[in-house]
Amino acid sequence: MATIKIQQTKSRIGAPKDQKRTLDALGLTKMNRIVEKEDSEVLRGMIRKVRHLVTVVE
């Protein structure tokens, strides 16, 4: 299956609690950290929720 690399580019400080939990579920706990996850509709929905805090790295 295809994978996606996600990088947290902005701080979670000041973000609502549900967005912080979404970042935790993605495995992003610090700035500029990159995680690689399997591509799925659920994952894309999580990325969409915090799209202002993360970028998808190619």
PDB file of N, CA and C in Angstrom:
ATOM      1  N   MET A   1       0.836  -1.189   0.000  1.00  0.00           N
ATOM      2  CA  MET A   1       0.000   0.000   0.000  1.00  0.00           C
ATOM      3  C   MET A   1       0.879   1.251   0.000  1.00  0.00           C
ATOM      4  N   ALA A   2       0.343   2.330  -0.504  1.00  0.00           N
ATOM      5  CA  ALA A   2       1.083   3.592  -0.578  1.00  0.00           C
ATOM      6  C   ALA A   2       1.201   4.216   0.809  1.00  0.00           C
ATOM      7  N   THR A   3       2.237   5.011   0.990  1.00  0.00           N
ATOM      8  CA  THR A   3       2.446   5.698   2.264  1.00  0.00           C
ATOM      9  C   THR A   3       2.485   7.201   2.046  1.00  0.00           C
ATOM     10  N   ILE A   4       2.219   7.915   3.118  1.00  0.00           N
ATOM     11  CA  ILE A   4       2.253   9.379   3.113  1.00  0.00           C
ATOM     12  C   ILE A   4       3.206   9.827   4.213  1.00  0.00           C
ATOM     13  N   LYS A   5       4.053  10.816   3.920  1.00  0.00           N
ATOM     14  CA  LYS A   5       4.908  11.419   4.935  1.00  0.00           C
ATOM     15  C   LYS A   5       4.277  12.737   5.345  1.00  0.00           C
ATOM     16  N   ILE A   6       4.117  12.915   6.649  1.00  0.00           N
ATOM     17  CA  ILE A   6       3.467  14.109   7.193  1.00  0.00           C
ATOM     18  C   ILE A   6       4.443  14.805   8.121  1.00  0.00           C
ATOM     19  N   GLN A   7       4.553  16.124   7.990  1.00  0.00           N
ATOM     20  CA  GLN A   7       5.444  16.912   8.836  1.00  0.00           C
ATOM     21  C   GLN A   7       4.641  17.982   9.549  1.00  0.00           C
ATOM     22  N   GLN A   8       4.864  18.113  10.853  1.00  0.00           N
ATOM     23  CA  GLN A   8       4.227  19.193  11.606  1.00  0.00           C
ATOM     24  C   GLN A   8       5.037  20.458  11.387  1.00  0.00           C
ATOM     25  N   THR A   9       4.404  21.488  10.817  1.00  0.00           N
ATOM     26  CA  THR A   9       5.124  22.707  10.466  1.00  0.00           C
ATOM     27  C   THR A   9       4.800  23.881  11.386  1.00  0.00           C
ATOM     28  N   LYS A  10       3.697  23.796  12.126  1.00  0.00           N
ATOM     29  CA  LYS A  10       3.331  24.875  13.038  1.00  0.00           C
ATOM     30  C   LYS A  10       3.087  24.313  14.424  1.00  0.00           C
ATOM     31  N   SER A  11       3.197  25.174  15.421  1.00  0.00           N
ATOM     32  CA  SER A  11       3.062  24.768  16.809  1.00  0.00           C
ATOM     33  C   SER A  11       1.630  24.404  17.145  1.00  0.00           C
ATOM     34  N   ARG A  12       1.493  23.481  18.083  1.00  0.00           N
ATOM     35  CA  ARG A  12       0.178  23.082  18.562  1.00  0.00           C
ATOM     36  C   ARG A  12      -0.327  23.994  19.669  1.00  0.00           C
ATOM     37  N   ILE A  13       0.522  24.918  20.144  1.00  0.00           N
ATOM     38  CA  ILE A  13       0.123  25.827  21.213  1.00  0.00           C
ATOM     39  C   ILE A  13      -1.027  26.701  20.717  1.00  0.00           C
ATOM     40  N   GLY A  14      -2.073  26.764  21.479  1.00  0.00           N
ATOM     41  CA  GLY A  14      -3.240  27.569  21.122  1.00  0.00           C
ATOM     42  C   GLY A  14      -4.254  26.836  20.271  1.00  0.00           C
ATOM     43  N   ALA A  15      -3.939  25.613  19.844  1.00  0.00           N
ATOM     44  CA  ALA A  15      -4.878  24.829  19.038  1.00  0.00           C
ATOM     45  C   ALA A  15      -5.926  24.209  19.968  1.00  0.00           C
ATOM     46  N   PRO A  16      -7.135  23.999  19.465  1.00  0.00           N
ATOM     47  CA  PRO A  16      -8.160  23.346  20.282  1.00  0.00           C
ATOM     48  C   PRO A  16      -7.740  21.927  20.677  1.00  0.00           C
ATOM     49  N   LYS A  17      -8.342  21.424  21.726  1.00  0.00           N
ATOM     50  CA  LYS A  17      -7.978  20.120  22.277  1.00  0.00           C
ATOM     51  C   LYS A  17      -8.178  18.995  21.263  1.00  0.00           C
ATOM     52  N   ASP A  18      -9.232  19.062  20.450  1.00  0.00           N
ATOM     53  CA  ASP A  18      -9.465  17.994  19.477  1.00  0.00           C
ATOM     54  C   ASP A  18      -8.380  17.963  18.396  1.00  0.00           C
ATOM     55  N   GLN A  19      -7.852  19.112  18.043  1.00  0.00           N
ATOM     56  CA  GLN A  19      -6.759  19.144  17.064  1.00  0.00           C
ATOM     57  C   GLN A  19      -5.462  18.620  17.674  1.00  0.00           C
ATOM     58  N   LYS A  20      -5.235  18.895  18.946  1.00  0.00           N
ATOM     59  CA  LYS A  20      -4.060  18.360  19.624  1.00  0.00           C
ATOM     60  C   LYS A  20      -4.137  16.837  19.688  1.00  0.00           C
ATOM     61  N   ARG A  21      -5.332  16.317  19.949  1.00  0.00           N
ATOM     62  CA  ARG A  21      -5.512  14.864  19.983  1.00  0.00           C
ATOM     63  C   ARG A  21      -5.304  14.255  18.603  1.00  0.00           C
ATOM     64  N   THR A  22      -5.710  14.957  17.561  1.00  0.00           N
ATOM     65  CA  THR A  22      -5.500  14.472  16.203  1.00  0.00           C
ATOM     66  C   THR A  22      -4.015  14.406  15.883  1.00  0.00           C
ATOM     67  N   LEU A  23      -3.257  15.425  16.277  1.00  0.00           N
ATOM     68  CA  LEU A  23      -1.808  15.399  16.073  1.00  0.00           C
ATOM     69  C   LEU A  23      -1.178  14.234  16.832  1.00  0.00           C
ATOM     70  N   ASP A  24      -1.641  13.979  18.049  1.00  0.00           N
ATOM     71  CA  ASP A  24      -1.135  12.850  18.826  1.00  0.00           C
ATOM     72  C   ASP A  24      -1.432  11.531  18.115  1.00  0.00           C
ATOM     73  N   ALA A  25      -2.640  11.410  17.571  1.00  0.00           N
ATOM     74  CA  ALA A  25      -3.020  10.178  16.869  1.00  0.00           C
ATOM     75  C   ALA A  25      -2.186   9.978  15.606  1.00  0.00           C
ATOM     76  N   LEU A  26      -1.765  11.078  14.990  1.00  0.00           N
ATOM     77  CA  LEU A  26      -0.895  10.982  13.819  1.00  0.00           C
ATOM     78  C   LEU A  26       0.547  10.671  14.199  1.00  0.00           C
ATOM     79  N   GLY A  27       0.874  10.817  15.477  1.00  0.00           N
ATOM     80  CA  GLY A  27       2.231  10.563  15.933  1.00  0.00           C
ATOM     81  C   GLY A  27       3.121  11.786  15.879  1.00  0.00           C
ATOM     82  N   LEU A  28       2.513  12.955  15.754  1.00  0.00           N
ATOM     83  CA  LEU A  28       3.266  14.209  15.682  1.00  0.00           C
ATOM     84  C   LEU A  28       3.235  14.878  17.048  1.00  0.00           C
ATOM     85  N   THR A  29       4.374  14.881  17.717  1.00  0.00           N
ATOM     86  CA  THR A  29       4.431  15.444  19.062  1.00  0.00           C
ATOM     87  C   THR A  29       5.313  16.674  19.146  1.00  0.00           C
ATOM     88  N   LYS A  30       6.169  16.893  18.149  1.00  0.00           N
ATOM     89  CA  LYS A  30       7.067  18.044  18.159  1.00  0.00           C
ATOM     90  C   LYS A  30       7.107  18.679  16.776  1.00  0.00           C
ATOM     91  N   MET A  31       7.549  19.923  16.751  1.00  0.00           N
ATOM     92  CA  MET A  31       7.679  20.656  15.497  1.00  0.00           C
ATOM     93  C   MET A  31       8.699  19.984  14.578  1.00  0.00           C
ATOM     94  N   ASN A  32       8.446  20.048  13.291  1.00  0.00           N
ATOM     95  CA  ASN A  32       9.318  19.548  12.232  1.00  0.00           C
ATOM     96  C   ASN A  32       9.552  18.039  12.277  1.00  0.00           C
ATOM     97  N   ARG A  33       8.787  17.331  13.064  1.00  0.00           N
ATOM     98  CA  ARG A  33       8.884  15.877  13.099  1.00  0.00           C
ATOM     99  C   ARG A  33       8.132  15.312  11.896  1.00  0.00           C
ATOM    100  N   ILE A  34       8.699  14.294  11.271  1.00  0.00           N
ATOM    101  CA  ILE A  34       8.090  13.654  10.104  1.00  0.00           C
ATOM    102  C   ILE A  34       7.718  12.227  10.461  1.00  0.00           C
ATOM    103  N   VAL A  35       6.487  11.835  10.130  1.00  0.00           N
ATOM    104  CA  VAL A  35       6.038  10.460  10.317  1.00  0.00           C
ATOM    105  C   VAL A  35       5.573   9.922   8.980  1.00  0.00           C
ATOM    106  N   GLU A  36       5.679   8.611   8.814  1.00  0.00           N
ATOM    107  CA  GLU A  36       5.244   7.962   7.585  1.00  0.00           C
ATOM    108  C   GLU A  36       4.113   7.000   7.940  1.00  0.00           C
ATOM    109  N   LYS A  37       2.964   7.186   7.312  1.00  0.00           N
ATOM    110  CA  LYS A  37       1.774   6.381   7.591  1.00  0.00           C
ATOM    111  C   LYS A  37       1.233   5.800   6.293  1.00  0.00           C
ATOM    112  N   GLU A  38       0.494   4.693   6.410  1.00  0.00           N
ATOM    113  CA  GLU A  38      -0.160   4.114   5.244  1.00  0.00           C
ATOM    114  C   GLU A  38      -1.334   4.991   4.846  1.00  0.00           C
ATOM    115  N   ASP A  39      -1.499   5.180   3.551  1.00  0.00           N
ATOM    116  CA  ASP A  39      -2.550   6.037   3.013  1.00  0.00           C
ATOM    117  C   ASP A  39      -3.909   5.380   3.189  1.00  0.00           C
ATOM    118  N   SER A  40      -4.867   6.137   3.731  1.00  0.00           N
ATOM    119  CA  SER A  40      -6.247   5.671   3.862  1.00  0.00           C
ATOM    120  C   SER A  40      -7.166   6.888   3.941  1.00  0.00           C
ATOM    121  N   GLU A  41      -8.447   6.643   3.795  1.00  0.00           N
ATOM    122  CA  GLU A  41      -9.420   7.733   3.877  1.00  0.00           C
ATOM    123  C   GLU A  41      -9.462   8.318   5.279  1.00  0.00           C
ATOM    124  N   VAL A  42      -9.313   7.485   6.289  1.00  0.00           N
ATOM    125  CA  VAL A  42      -9.314   7.959   7.677  1.00  0.00           C
ATOM    126  C   VAL A  42      -8.135   8.888   7.908  1.00  0.00           C
ATOM    127  N   LEU A  43      -6.964   8.484   7.439  1.00  0.00           N
ATOM    128  CA  LEU A  43      -5.761   9.305   7.604  1.00  0.00           C
ATOM    129  C   LEU A  43      -5.911  10.642   6.878  1.00  0.00           C
ATOM    130  N   ARG A  44      -6.461  10.604   5.687  1.00  0.00           N
ATOM    131  CA  ARG A  44      -6.655  11.856   4.931  1.00  0.00           C
ATOM    132  C   ARG A  44      -7.616  12.792   5.643  1.00  0.00           C
ATOM    133  N   GLY A  45      -8.633  12.243   6.302  1.00  0.00           N
ATOM    134  CA  GLY A  45      -9.554  13.062   7.084  1.00  0.00           C
ATOM    135  C   GLY A  45      -8.866  13.712   8.275  1.00  0.00           C
ATOM    136  N   MET A  46      -7.963  12.968   8.911  1.00  0.00           N
ATOM    137  CA  MET A  46      -7.211  13.521  10.035  1.00  0.00           C
ATOM    138  C   MET A  46      -6.290  14.640   9.560  1.00  0.00           C
ATOM    139  N   ILE A  47      -5.660  14.439   8.419  1.00  0.00           N
ATOM    140  CA  ILE A  47      -4.784  15.479   7.858  1.00  0.00           C
ATOM    141  C   ILE A  47      -5.595  16.715   7.508  1.00  0.00           C
ATOM    142  N   ARG A  48      -6.785  16.503   6.954  1.00  0.00           N
ATOM    143  CA  ARG A  48      -7.656  17.627   6.581  1.00  0.00           C
ATOM    144  C   ARG A  48      -8.034  18.452   7.807  1.00  0.00           C
ATOM    145  N   LYS A  49      -8.225  17.789   8.944  1.00  0.00           N
ATOM    146  CA  LYS A  49      -8.627  18.485  10.167  1.00  0.00           C
ATOM    147  C   LYS A  49      -7.536  19.423  10.680  1.00  0.00           C
ATOM    148  N   VAL A  50      -6.270  19.036  10.508  1.00  0.00           N
ATOM    149  CA  VAL A  50      -5.155  19.842  11.011  1.00  0.00           C
ATOM    150  C   VAL A  50      -4.278  20.346   9.870  1.00  0.00           C
ATOM    151  N   ARG A  51      -4.871  20.576   8.712  1.00  0.00           N
ATOM    152  CA  ARG A  51      -4.091  20.968   7.522  1.00  0.00           C
ATOM    153  C   ARG A  51      -3.344  22.273   7.684  1.00  0.00           C
ATOM    154  N   HIS A  52      -3.778  23.134   8.608  1.00  0.00           N
ATOM    155  CA  HIS A  52      -3.090  24.398   8.846  1.00  0.00           C
ATOM    156  C   HIS A  52      -1.855  24.214   9.727  1.00  0.00           C
ATOM    157  N   LEU A  53      -1.684  23.037  10.321  1.00  0.00           N
ATOM    158  CA  LEU A  53      -0.549  22.756  11.198  1.00  0.00           C
ATOM    159  C   LEU A  53       0.472  21.807  10.573  1.00  0.00           C
ATOM    160  N   VAL A  54       0.095  21.104   9.507  1.00  0.00           N
ATOM    161  CA  VAL A  54       0.967  20.078   8.920  1.00  0.00           C
ATOM    162  C   VAL A  54       1.118  20.293   7.413  1.00  0.00           C
ATOM    163  N   THR A  55       2.133  19.639   6.854  1.00  0.00           N
ATOM    164  CA  THR A  55       2.284  19.566   5.411  1.00  0.00           C
ATOM    165  C   THR A  55       2.576  18.123   5.044  1.00  0.00           C
ATOM    166  N   VAL A  56       2.192  17.749   3.823  1.00  0.00           N
ATOM    167  CA  VAL A  56       2.490  16.425   3.310  1.00  0.00           C
ATOM    168  C   VAL A  56       3.792  16.520   2.535  1.00  0.00           C
ATOM    169  N   VAL A  57       4.779  15.745   2.952  1.00  0.00           N
ATOM    170  CA  VAL A  57       6.115  15.770   2.343  1.00  0.00           C
ATOM    171  C   VAL A  57       6.164  14.711   1.256  1.00  0.00           C
ATOM    172  N   GLU A  58       6.691  15.076   0.110  1.00  0.00           N
ATOM    173  CA  GLU A  58       6.804  14.118  -0.998  1.00  0.00           C
ATOM    174  C   GLU A  58       8.152  13.450  -0.974  1.00  0.00           C
TER     175      GLU A  58
END
